[in-house]
Protein backbone atom coordinates (compact mmCIF):
# COMPACT_ATOMS: atom_id res chain seq x y z
CA MET A 1 88.99 -139.59 58.30
CA PRO A 2 89.93 -136.99 60.97
CA ASN A 3 88.42 -137.61 64.39
CA ASN A 4 88.07 -134.57 66.63
CA SER A 5 87.42 -136.65 69.73
CA PRO A 6 90.65 -136.99 71.74
CA ALA A 7 92.07 -140.45 72.30
CA PHE A 8 93.63 -141.72 75.50
CA VAL A 9 96.09 -144.58 75.03
CA LEU A 10 96.90 -146.43 78.25
CA GLY A 11 100.09 -148.32 78.86
CA ASN A 12 100.29 -150.16 82.14
CA GLY A 13 103.25 -148.41 83.70
CA ARG A 14 102.62 -147.46 87.31
CA SER A 15 102.57 -143.73 86.61
CA ARG A 16 99.00 -143.98 85.31
CA LEU A 17 97.85 -144.77 88.86
CA ALA A 18 98.01 -141.00 89.42
CA ILE A 19 94.53 -140.63 87.94
CA ASP A 20 91.28 -142.57 87.78
CA CYS A 21 91.52 -143.88 84.22
CA SER A 22 87.97 -145.25 84.35
CA GLN A 23 86.76 -141.64 84.03
CA LEU A 24 88.58 -141.00 80.77
CA THR A 25 85.72 -142.36 78.67
CA THR A 26 83.63 -139.26 79.44
CA ASN A 27 86.26 -137.12 77.67
CA GLY A 28 87.19 -139.15 74.61
CA THR A 29 87.97 -142.61 73.27
CA VAL A 30 90.05 -144.93 75.45
CA TYR A 31 92.46 -147.53 74.07
CA GLY A 32 93.60 -149.87 76.83
CA CYS A 33 95.96 -152.81 76.91
CA ASN A 34 95.98 -156.31 78.31
CA ALA A 35 94.73 -156.68 81.89
CA VAL A 36 93.20 -153.20 82.11
CA TYR A 37 89.89 -154.93 81.41
CA ARG A 38 90.08 -156.31 84.97
CA GLU A 39 89.49 -152.76 86.26
CA PHE A 40 87.24 -151.06 83.74
CA ASP A 41 86.08 -151.21 80.13
CA PRO A 42 88.06 -149.15 77.62
CA ASP A 43 86.45 -148.46 74.26
CA TYR A 44 89.07 -150.69 72.63
CA LEU A 45 91.09 -153.39 74.38
CA ILE A 46 94.33 -154.34 72.64
CA ALA A 47 96.26 -157.49 73.58
CA VAL A 48 98.81 -159.27 71.43
CA ASP A 49 100.37 -161.69 73.93
CA THR A 50 98.77 -165.11 73.44
CA LYS A 51 98.50 -165.89 77.17
CA MET A 52 96.82 -162.56 77.79
CA VAL A 53 94.39 -163.01 74.90
CA ASN A 54 93.45 -166.44 76.18
CA GLU A 55 92.81 -165.01 79.64
CA ILE A 56 90.51 -162.42 78.11
CA VAL A 57 88.55 -164.89 75.99
CA SER A 58 88.21 -167.26 78.95
CA THR A 59 86.06 -164.59 80.61
CA GLY A 60 83.92 -164.01 77.51
CA TYR A 61 84.86 -160.32 77.60
CA GLN A 62 85.17 -160.18 73.80
CA GLU A 63 81.48 -161.08 73.43
CA THR A 64 80.37 -157.66 74.67
CA HIS A 65 83.46 -155.47 74.13
CA GLN A 66 85.87 -154.59 71.33
CA VAL A 67 89.00 -156.72 71.66
CA TRP A 68 91.75 -156.42 69.05
CA THR A 69 94.71 -158.74 68.59
CA ASN A 70 97.04 -160.30 66.03
CA PRO A 71 96.25 -163.58 64.25
CA ASN A 72 97.83 -166.42 66.24
CA ARG A 73 97.14 -170.15 66.17
CA GLY A 74 97.64 -170.29 69.93
CA ILE A 75 94.49 -168.31 70.62
CA HIS A 76 91.77 -170.61 71.93
CA THR A 77 88.93 -169.03 69.95
CA LYS A 78 88.53 -166.51 67.16
CA LYS A 79 84.88 -165.88 67.93
CA ASN A 80 84.06 -162.19 68.40
CA LEU A 81 87.72 -161.14 68.30
CA ASN A 82 88.94 -158.43 65.94
CA PHE A 83 92.23 -159.06 64.14
CA PHE A 84 94.74 -156.54 62.84
CA SER A 85 95.43 -157.31 59.18
CA PRO A 86 98.18 -156.81 58.39
CA HIS A 87 99.53 -156.63 61.90
CA LYS A 88 102.64 -154.84 63.09
CA GLY A 89 104.11 -157.59 65.23
CA TRP A 90 104.62 -154.96 67.94
CA SER A 91 103.94 -154.88 71.67
CA SER A 92 100.43 -154.10 72.88
CA GLY A 93 101.09 -150.50 73.95
CA PRO A 94 102.60 -149.26 70.69
CA THR A 95 99.99 -151.28 68.76
CA ALA A 96 97.25 -149.46 70.69
CA LEU A 97 98.93 -146.12 69.97
CA TRP A 98 99.16 -146.92 66.27
CA PHE A 99 95.49 -147.98 66.24
CA ALA A 100 94.40 -144.68 67.77
CA ALA A 101 96.40 -142.79 65.16
CA TYR A 102 95.07 -145.00 62.36
CA ASN A 103 91.52 -144.26 63.57
CA GLY A 104 92.11 -140.59 62.85
CA HIS A 105 92.23 -138.96 66.30
CA LEU A 106 93.91 -135.59 65.90
CA LYS A 107 94.85 -135.36 69.59
CA ILE A 108 96.22 -138.41 71.39
CA TYR A 109 97.19 -138.50 75.05
CA ILE A 110 99.65 -141.22 76.05
CA LEU A 111 99.48 -142.39 79.67
CA GLY A 112 101.40 -145.11 81.47
CA PHE A 113 104.14 -145.38 78.83
CA ASP A 114 106.88 -145.28 81.48
CA PHE A 115 109.37 -147.33 79.44
CA GLN A 116 111.88 -147.77 82.24
CA GLY A 117 111.57 -149.96 85.32
CA ILE A 118 111.47 -148.69 88.88
CA ASP A 119 114.91 -149.03 90.51
CA GLY A 120 115.68 -151.62 87.85
CA LYS A 121 112.60 -153.71 88.72
CA PHE A 122 109.53 -154.62 86.68
CA ASN A 123 107.25 -151.60 86.31
CA ASN A 124 103.66 -152.61 85.67
CA VAL A 125 100.33 -151.98 87.37
CA TYR A 126 99.62 -155.72 87.25
CA ALA A 127 102.95 -157.01 88.55
CA ASP A 128 102.51 -160.04 90.82
CA THR A 129 99.24 -161.05 89.15
CA TYR A 130 98.32 -163.83 86.72
CA ASN A 131 100.21 -163.64 83.39
CA TYR A 132 102.61 -160.97 84.68
CA LYS A 133 106.12 -160.93 86.07
CA LYS A 134 106.86 -160.45 89.76
CA SER A 135 107.54 -156.93 90.99
CA ASN A 136 110.98 -157.99 92.18
CA GLU A 137 112.02 -159.28 88.76
CA ALA A 138 114.27 -157.29 86.46
CA ALA A 139 112.68 -154.56 84.37
CA THR A 140 111.73 -155.42 80.80
CA TYR A 141 114.05 -153.88 78.21
CA TYR A 142 112.29 -150.81 76.82
CA GLY A 143 114.21 -150.18 73.58
CA ASN A 144 111.60 -151.73 71.30
CA TRP A 145 108.78 -149.77 72.95
CA VAL A 146 110.64 -146.49 72.44
CA ASN A 147 111.48 -147.34 68.83
CA GLN A 148 107.91 -148.35 67.99
CA THR A 149 106.45 -145.26 69.68
CA GLN A 150 108.88 -143.01 67.82
CA ARG A 151 107.96 -144.58 64.47
CA ILE A 152 104.25 -143.94 65.05
CA ILE A 153 104.75 -140.30 66.00
CA GLU A 154 106.98 -139.74 62.98
CA GLU A 155 104.51 -141.43 60.64
CA PHE A 156 101.47 -139.43 61.76
CA LYS A 157 102.96 -135.94 61.65
CA HIS A 158 99.54 -134.26 61.48
CA ILE A 159 98.53 -135.66 64.90
CA LYS A 160 99.34 -133.91 68.16
CA PHE A 161 100.66 -136.47 70.64
CA THR A 162 100.90 -135.63 74.33
CA ARG A 163 102.75 -137.94 76.70
CA VAL A 164 101.64 -137.61 80.32
CA VAL A 165 104.38 -138.32 82.86
CA GLU A 166 105.29 -137.99 86.50
CA ASP A 167 107.68 -135.24 87.53
CA ASN A 168 111.30 -136.18 86.75
CA ALA A 169 110.14 -139.10 84.58
CA PHE A 170 112.43 -140.81 82.12
CA ASN A 171 112.16 -139.16 78.72
CA PRO A 172 113.94 -140.88 75.82
CA GLU A 173 116.37 -138.46 74.19
CA ILE A 174 115.01 -139.17 70.71
CA PHE A 175 111.60 -137.83 71.75
CA GLY A 176 113.08 -134.34 71.92
CA ASN A 177 113.36 -134.36 68.12
CA LEU A 178 109.67 -135.10 67.54
CA LYS A 179 107.92 -131.80 66.82
CA ASN A 180 104.38 -133.22 67.16
CA LEU A 181 105.06 -134.73 70.60
CA ASN A 182 104.52 -132.73 73.77
CA THR A 183 105.16 -133.85 77.36
CA VAL A 184 103.04 -132.73 80.32
CA SER A 185 102.88 -133.67 83.98
CA TYR A 186 99.86 -135.29 85.57
CA SER A 187 99.13 -131.96 87.27
CA GLU A 188 99.05 -130.23 83.88
CA PHE A 189 96.90 -133.03 82.50
CA HIS A 190 94.44 -132.46 85.34
CA ASP A 191 94.31 -128.77 84.41
CA ILE A 192 93.28 -129.79 80.87
CA PHE A 193 90.71 -132.34 82.13
CA PRO A 194 89.66 -131.16 85.61
CA ASN A 195 86.73 -133.62 85.73
CA ILE A 196 89.08 -136.62 85.77
CA PRO A 197 89.75 -137.48 89.43
CA ARG A 198 93.31 -137.80 90.66
CA ASN A 199 94.32 -140.69 92.89
């Protein structure tokens, strides 16, 4: 069923530090990934990595918030978790993007999907913290993220996707062929949502 409330899907690339993401919930539905719960509560938290899911359940976060994951025998408890069935077997970010599209949002803003590393190094808000790589480690290969993101945008042709990026950000060449994907800067995003503070 179509959902006229915009969705904000948060990857954890460092570009999303440009705004205060905790204020997004006043403007729409927020889909966050992995350790974002350490900062604020998105409407939906998506985590598919077993270590990350076990960190989340160790805090009891899933008892009062919507946490979605894939079925996995390595997860310490199934209590109060929501499971994708069938699941995609994708990374958390693209899974969150697919979930927002599946939930019928007609406008989806994509933030923190940086794809590439920074100077070849690991690009993540939570680098150097528990369950994450060190900031001086090599960047994670981004090809699967790009492929999965592309497949979602192509599947849901009736949805308007907007990727929010820093100036001169990496933009996968294939994205230029996606007619329902637009790219805006964080300054332009702030013009659309002036009540969301910039950092």
